[in-house]
Amino acid sequence: MDKLDDADYTASSYLLMVNLAEQLKLPFMQIQKQAELLSRVKVKDLSSIENSASYALQLIDNYLLGLKLNQQKLALEQEPVSVAAVLYDSGQLLSSLAKEYGVKLELNITGKYEPVMAHRQGLESAIVSLGSSLIEAISAQDKSKYTLQLATHRCRYGIVAGVYADNPELTANLLRQGRRLIGRARQPLVNLTYSAGAGIFVADSILNAMSLSLKASRHHRLYGLGAVMRGSSQLQLV
């Protein structure tokens, strides 16, 4: 995805806001239903409400970060970043949501890698946004077990950071379709998820601000979305 000019970015931001609003309806509807139940009976375990609210707020925070990065209101300071450490911290942030949806999170780091030059908060927010949408998506699959991997590995272009699952729908064509339909369809990634899939597009926006773009990726026979970084400020794609 090429760097956007001002007009294109304004239009893209509007479409993403529409998509995000559709996505946020789901967790807040869950909060509403849980609150209705609590008004009738006393329930000790409030984790479902807490996780739904946390998911919605995290998505909003990540979206706002993307806006600030793209508009350069937040200095895009790059620093040496361990991709493995970012994936670990992202997994911690996603653990409660994964448990709520019955998804097993795995950290797959094969080998040792040098730090890359990146905006750490931006990279982590992108991974968390991707992970949240894919947790929701794969939990709807017709399988007895759901597993999501946060993985890093080396490819010919550099060091990859991505989120992977056993879902062949995670393709370049799906991503292209979603970008065309964002803000115009309630379910722009209909073959992957019946929600708005906003986390994927939030990640796309954040990575774009970092001179990265989101692309389909493969790792250990799994399908996913991610980006590849060099050990410098020059970033390329999977």
Protein backbone atom coordinates (compact mmCIF):
# COMPACT_ATOMS: atom_id res chain seq x y z
CA MET A 1 0.00 0.00 0.00
CA ASP A 2 1.63 3.22 -1.13
CA LYS A 3 1.96 6.25 1.13
CA LEU A 4 -1.28 8.21 0.98
CA ASP A 5 -1.51 11.88 -0.01
CA ASP A 6 -3.69 14.25 2.08
CA ALA A 7 -6.88 13.80 0.06
CA ASP A 8 -6.59 10.02 -0.12
CA TYR A 9 -5.75 9.82 3.59
CA THR A 10 -8.81 11.90 4.55
CA ALA A 11 -11.08 9.63 2.49
CA SER A 12 -9.39 6.51 3.85
CA SER A 13 -9.74 7.73 7.44
CA TYR A 14 -13.47 8.33 6.95
CA LEU A 15 -14.01 4.85 5.53
CA LEU A 16 -12.02 3.30 8.36
CA MET A 17 -14.10 5.21 10.92
CA VAL A 18 -17.28 3.77 9.39
CA ASN A 19 -15.78 0.29 9.52
CA LEU A 20 -14.60 0.79 13.10
CA ALA A 21 -18.06 1.93 14.21
CA GLU A 22 -19.58 -1.25 12.78
CA GLN A 23 -16.98 -3.34 14.62
CA LEU A 24 -17.56 -1.61 17.95
CA LYS A 25 -21.25 -2.45 17.87
CA LEU A 26 -20.50 -6.09 18.63
CA PRO A 27 -18.58 -5.83 21.93
CA PHE A 28 -20.89 -3.11 23.24
CA MET A 29 -23.91 -5.26 22.37
CA GLN A 30 -22.30 -8.03 24.41
CA ILE A 31 -21.79 -5.61 27.29
CA GLN A 32 -25.43 -4.60 27.05
CA LYS A 33 -26.69 -8.19 27.12
CA GLN A 34 -24.45 -9.11 30.05
CA ALA A 35 -25.63 -6.04 31.95
CA GLU A 36 -29.25 -7.09 31.39
CA LEU A 37 -28.51 -10.50 32.84
CA LEU A 38 -26.77 -8.99 35.85
CA SER A 39 -29.81 -6.86 36.56
CA ARG A 40 -31.82 -10.06 37.06
CA VAL A 41 -29.38 -12.33 38.85
CA LYS A 42 -26.23 -11.97 40.91
CA VAL A 43 -23.18 -13.06 38.93
CA LYS A 44 -19.73 -13.26 40.48
CA ASP A 45 -17.74 -13.72 37.27
CA LEU A 46 -17.71 -10.45 35.36
CA SER A 47 -14.82 -11.40 33.06
CA SER A 48 -16.99 -11.48 29.94
CA ILE A 49 -18.08 -7.87 30.44
CA GLU A 50 -14.56 -6.79 31.32
CA ASN A 51 -13.04 -8.47 28.26
CA SER A 52 -15.63 -7.03 25.88
CA ALA A 53 -15.09 -3.51 27.20
CA SER A 54 -11.31 -3.91 27.18
CA TYR A 55 -11.38 -5.15 23.58
CA ALA A 56 -13.46 -2.18 22.42
CA LEU A 57 -11.33 0.38 24.23
CA GLN A 58 -8.08 -1.15 22.99
CA LEU A 59 -9.32 -1.03 19.41
CA ILE A 60 -10.22 2.64 19.79
CA ASP A 61 -6.82 3.45 21.31
CA ASN A 62 -5.03 1.67 18.46
CA TYR A 63 -7.14 3.51 15.88
CA LEU A 64 -6.30 6.86 17.49
CA LEU A 65 -2.62 5.95 17.46
CA GLY A 66 -2.86 5.27 13.74
CA LEU A 67 -4.45 8.68 13.17
CA LYS A 68 -1.76 10.45 15.18
CA LEU A 69 1.05 8.62 13.43
CA ASN A 70 -0.37 9.31 9.98
CA GLN A 71 -0.92 13.00 10.73
CA GLN A 72 2.50 13.24 12.39
CA LYS A 73 1.06 14.71 15.57
CA LEU A 74 2.98 12.00 17.39
CA ALA A 75 6.68 11.97 16.58
CA LEU A 76 7.50 8.80 14.68
CA GLU A 77 10.67 8.04 16.60
CA GLN A 78 12.28 4.78 15.60
CA GLU A 79 14.44 2.72 17.91
CA PRO A 80 16.05 -0.72 17.97
CA VAL A 81 13.18 -3.11 18.66
CA SER A 82 13.12 -6.82 19.42
CA VAL A 83 10.32 -8.33 17.35
CA ALA A 84 10.21 -11.33 19.69
CA ALA A 85 9.66 -9.03 22.69
CA VAL A 86 6.88 -7.15 20.87
CA LEU A 87 5.13 -10.43 20.04
CA TYR A 88 5.43 -11.60 23.64
CA ASP A 89 3.94 -8.38 25.02
CA SER A 90 1.20 -8.47 22.36
CA GLY A 91 0.33 -12.01 23.43
CA GLN A 92 -0.07 -10.84 27.01
CA LEU A 93 -2.48 -8.12 25.91
CA LEU A 94 -4.48 -10.61 23.81
CA SER A 95 -4.61 -13.43 26.36
CA SER A 96 -7.90 -12.50 28.04
CA LEU A 97 -9.71 -12.00 24.73
CA ALA A 98 -8.35 -15.30 23.40
CA LYS A 99 -9.55 -17.12 26.50
CA GLU A 100 -12.98 -15.54 26.16
CA TYR A 101 -13.29 -16.86 22.59
CA GLY A 102 -11.74 -20.26 23.35
CA VAL A 103 -8.66 -19.60 21.22
CA LYS A 104 -5.23 -20.91 22.19
CA LEU A 105 -2.45 -18.36 21.71
CA GLU A 106 1.02 -19.58 20.79
CA LEU A 107 4.31 -17.69 20.51
CA ASN A 108 6.43 -19.11 17.68
CA ILE A 109 9.93 -17.67 17.53
CA THR A 110 12.37 -19.73 15.48
CA GLY A 111 15.95 -18.61 16.01
CA LYS A 112 17.60 -15.45 17.24
CA TYR A 113 17.23 -12.18 15.39
CA GLU A 114 18.91 -8.82 15.54
CA PRO A 115 16.78 -5.81 16.53
CA VAL A 116 14.96 -3.92 13.80
CA MET A 117 14.48 -0.17 13.60
CA ALA A 118 10.81 0.53 14.27
CA HIS A 119 8.27 2.51 16.26
CA ARG A 120 7.72 0.04 19.08
CA GLN A 121 4.28 1.20 20.21
CA GLY A 122 3.07 1.26 16.63
CA LEU A 123 4.30 -2.26 15.90
CA GLU A 124 2.76 -3.66 19.08
CA SER A 125 -0.56 -1.90 18.43
CA ALA A 126 -0.66 -3.30 14.90
CA ILE A 127 -0.02 -6.86 16.12
CA VAL A 128 -2.65 -6.56 18.85
CA SER A 129 -5.20 -5.15 16.39
CA LEU A 130 -4.53 -8.00 13.96
CA GLY A 131 -4.68 -10.56 16.72
CA SER A 132 -8.00 -9.33 18.09
CA SER A 133 -9.71 -9.55 14.71
CA LEU A 134 -8.25 -12.97 13.92
CA ILE A 135 -9.22 -14.35 17.34
CA GLU A 136 -12.78 -13.35 16.58
CA ALA A 137 -12.60 -14.75 13.06
CA ILE A 138 -11.10 -18.18 13.77
CA SER A 139 -13.38 -18.80 16.75
CA ALA A 140 -16.25 -18.98 14.26
CA GLN A 141 -14.57 -21.79 12.30
CA ASP A 142 -16.08 -25.26 12.38
CA LYS A 143 -13.26 -26.82 14.39
CA SER A 144 -12.95 -28.29 17.85
CA LYS A 145 -9.73 -26.40 18.61
CA TYR A 146 -8.66 -22.92 17.62
CA THR A 147 -5.03 -21.83 17.66
CA LEU A 148 -3.51 -18.47 16.78
CA GLN A 149 0.24 -18.00 16.47
CA LEU A 150 2.17 -14.79 16.96
CA ALA A 151 5.31 -15.59 15.01
CA THR A 152 8.56 -14.16 13.77
CA HIS A 153 10.89 -15.71 11.24
CA ARG A 154 13.44 -14.70 8.66
CA CYS A 155 12.65 -14.45 4.96
CA ARG A 156 14.76 -13.25 2.05
CA TYR A 157 13.63 -9.65 2.62
CA GLY A 158 14.25 -9.43 6.36
CA ILE A 159 12.55 -10.31 9.66
CA VAL A 160 8.84 -11.06 9.60
CA ALA A 161 6.33 -10.23 12.33
CA GLY A 162 2.92 -11.77 11.79
CA VAL A 163 -0.20 -13.42 13.14
CA TYR A 164 -1.05 -16.88 11.77
CA ALA A 165 -3.85 -19.45 11.85
CA ASP A 166 -5.00 -22.58 10.03
CA ASN A 167 -7.30 -20.59 7.78
CA PRO A 168 -6.69 -20.59 4.01
CA GLU A 169 -9.03 -17.60 3.64
CA LEU A 170 -6.18 -15.35 4.80
CA THR A 171 -5.00 -14.42 1.31
CA ALA A 172 -3.81 -11.38 -0.62
CA ASN A 173 -7.09 -11.39 -2.55
CA LEU A 174 -9.08 -11.20 0.68
CA LEU A 175 -7.05 -8.23 1.84
CA ARG A 176 -7.45 -6.42 -1.49
CA GLN A 177 -11.19 -7.04 -1.38
CA GLY A 178 -11.41 -5.72 2.16
CA ARG A 179 -9.57 -2.53 1.27
CA ARG A 180 -12.00 -1.91 -1.60
CA LEU A 181 -15.08 -2.54 0.53
CA ILE A 182 -14.06 -0.87 3.79
CA GLY A 183 -16.68 1.67 4.82
CA ARG A 184 -18.94 0.54 1.98
CA ALA A 185 -19.92 -2.88 3.30
CA ARG A 186 -20.72 -3.98 6.82
CA GLN A 187 -18.65 -7.14 6.28
CA PRO A 188 -15.74 -6.23 3.97
CA LEU A 189 -13.95 -9.49 4.84
CA VAL A 190 -17.01 -11.69 4.52
CA ASN A 191 -15.06 -14.88 3.70
CA LEU A 192 -13.04 -14.48 6.90
CA THR A 193 -15.30 -12.87 9.49
CA TYR A 194 -18.92 -11.83 9.85
CA SER A 195 -17.90 -8.73 11.79
CA ALA A 196 -16.43 -5.54 10.30
CA GLY A 197 -12.87 -6.84 10.82
CA ALA A 198 -11.81 -3.36 11.93
CA GLY A 199 -8.71 -4.55 13.75
CA ILE A 200 -7.16 -5.63 10.45
CA PHE A 201 -7.72 -2.21 8.89
CA VAL A 202 -6.50 -0.40 12.00
CA ALA A 203 -3.29 -2.44 11.77
CA ASP A 204 -3.08 -1.57 8.08
CA SER A 205 -3.31 2.15 8.90
CA ILE A 206 -0.68 1.98 11.64
CA LEU A 207 1.76 0.04 9.46
CA ASN A 208 1.22 2.47 6.60
CA ALA A 209 2.29 5.31 8.90
CA MET A 210 5.49 3.35 9.62
CA SER A 211 6.21 3.02 5.87
CA LEU A 212 5.02 -0.57 6.05
CA SER A 213 2.03 -2.29 4.59
CA LEU A 214 0.03 -5.31 5.59
CA LYS A 215 0.29 -8.37 3.36
CA ALA A 216 -0.71 -12.02 3.41
CA SER A 217 2.04 -14.31 4.69
CA ARG A 218 2.71 -18.04 5.12
CA HIS A 219 4.66 -19.71 7.93
CA HIS A 220 4.90 -23.39 8.84
CA ARG A 221 1.86 -24.28 6.70
CA LEU A 222 -0.22 -21.61 8.42
CA TYR A 223 -1.83 -18.57 6.84
CA GLY A 224 -1.53 -15.09 8.24
CA LEU A 225 -1.01 -11.37 7.92
CA GLY A 226 2.20 -9.54 8.68
CA ALA A 227 5.08 -7.33 7.61
CA VAL A 228 8.82 -7.75 7.27
CA MET A 229 11.43 -5.34 8.59
CA ARG A 230 15.10 -4.81 7.97
CA GLY A 231 17.61 -3.82 10.60
CA SER A 232 17.25 -0.21 9.51
CA SER A 233 14.54 2.41 8.92
CA GLN A 234 13.92 0.99 5.43
CA LEU A 235 10.95 -1.36 5.74
CA GLN A 236 9.66 -3.81 3.20
CA LEU A 237 6.81 -6.28 2.97
CA VAL A 238 6.19 -9.99 3.10
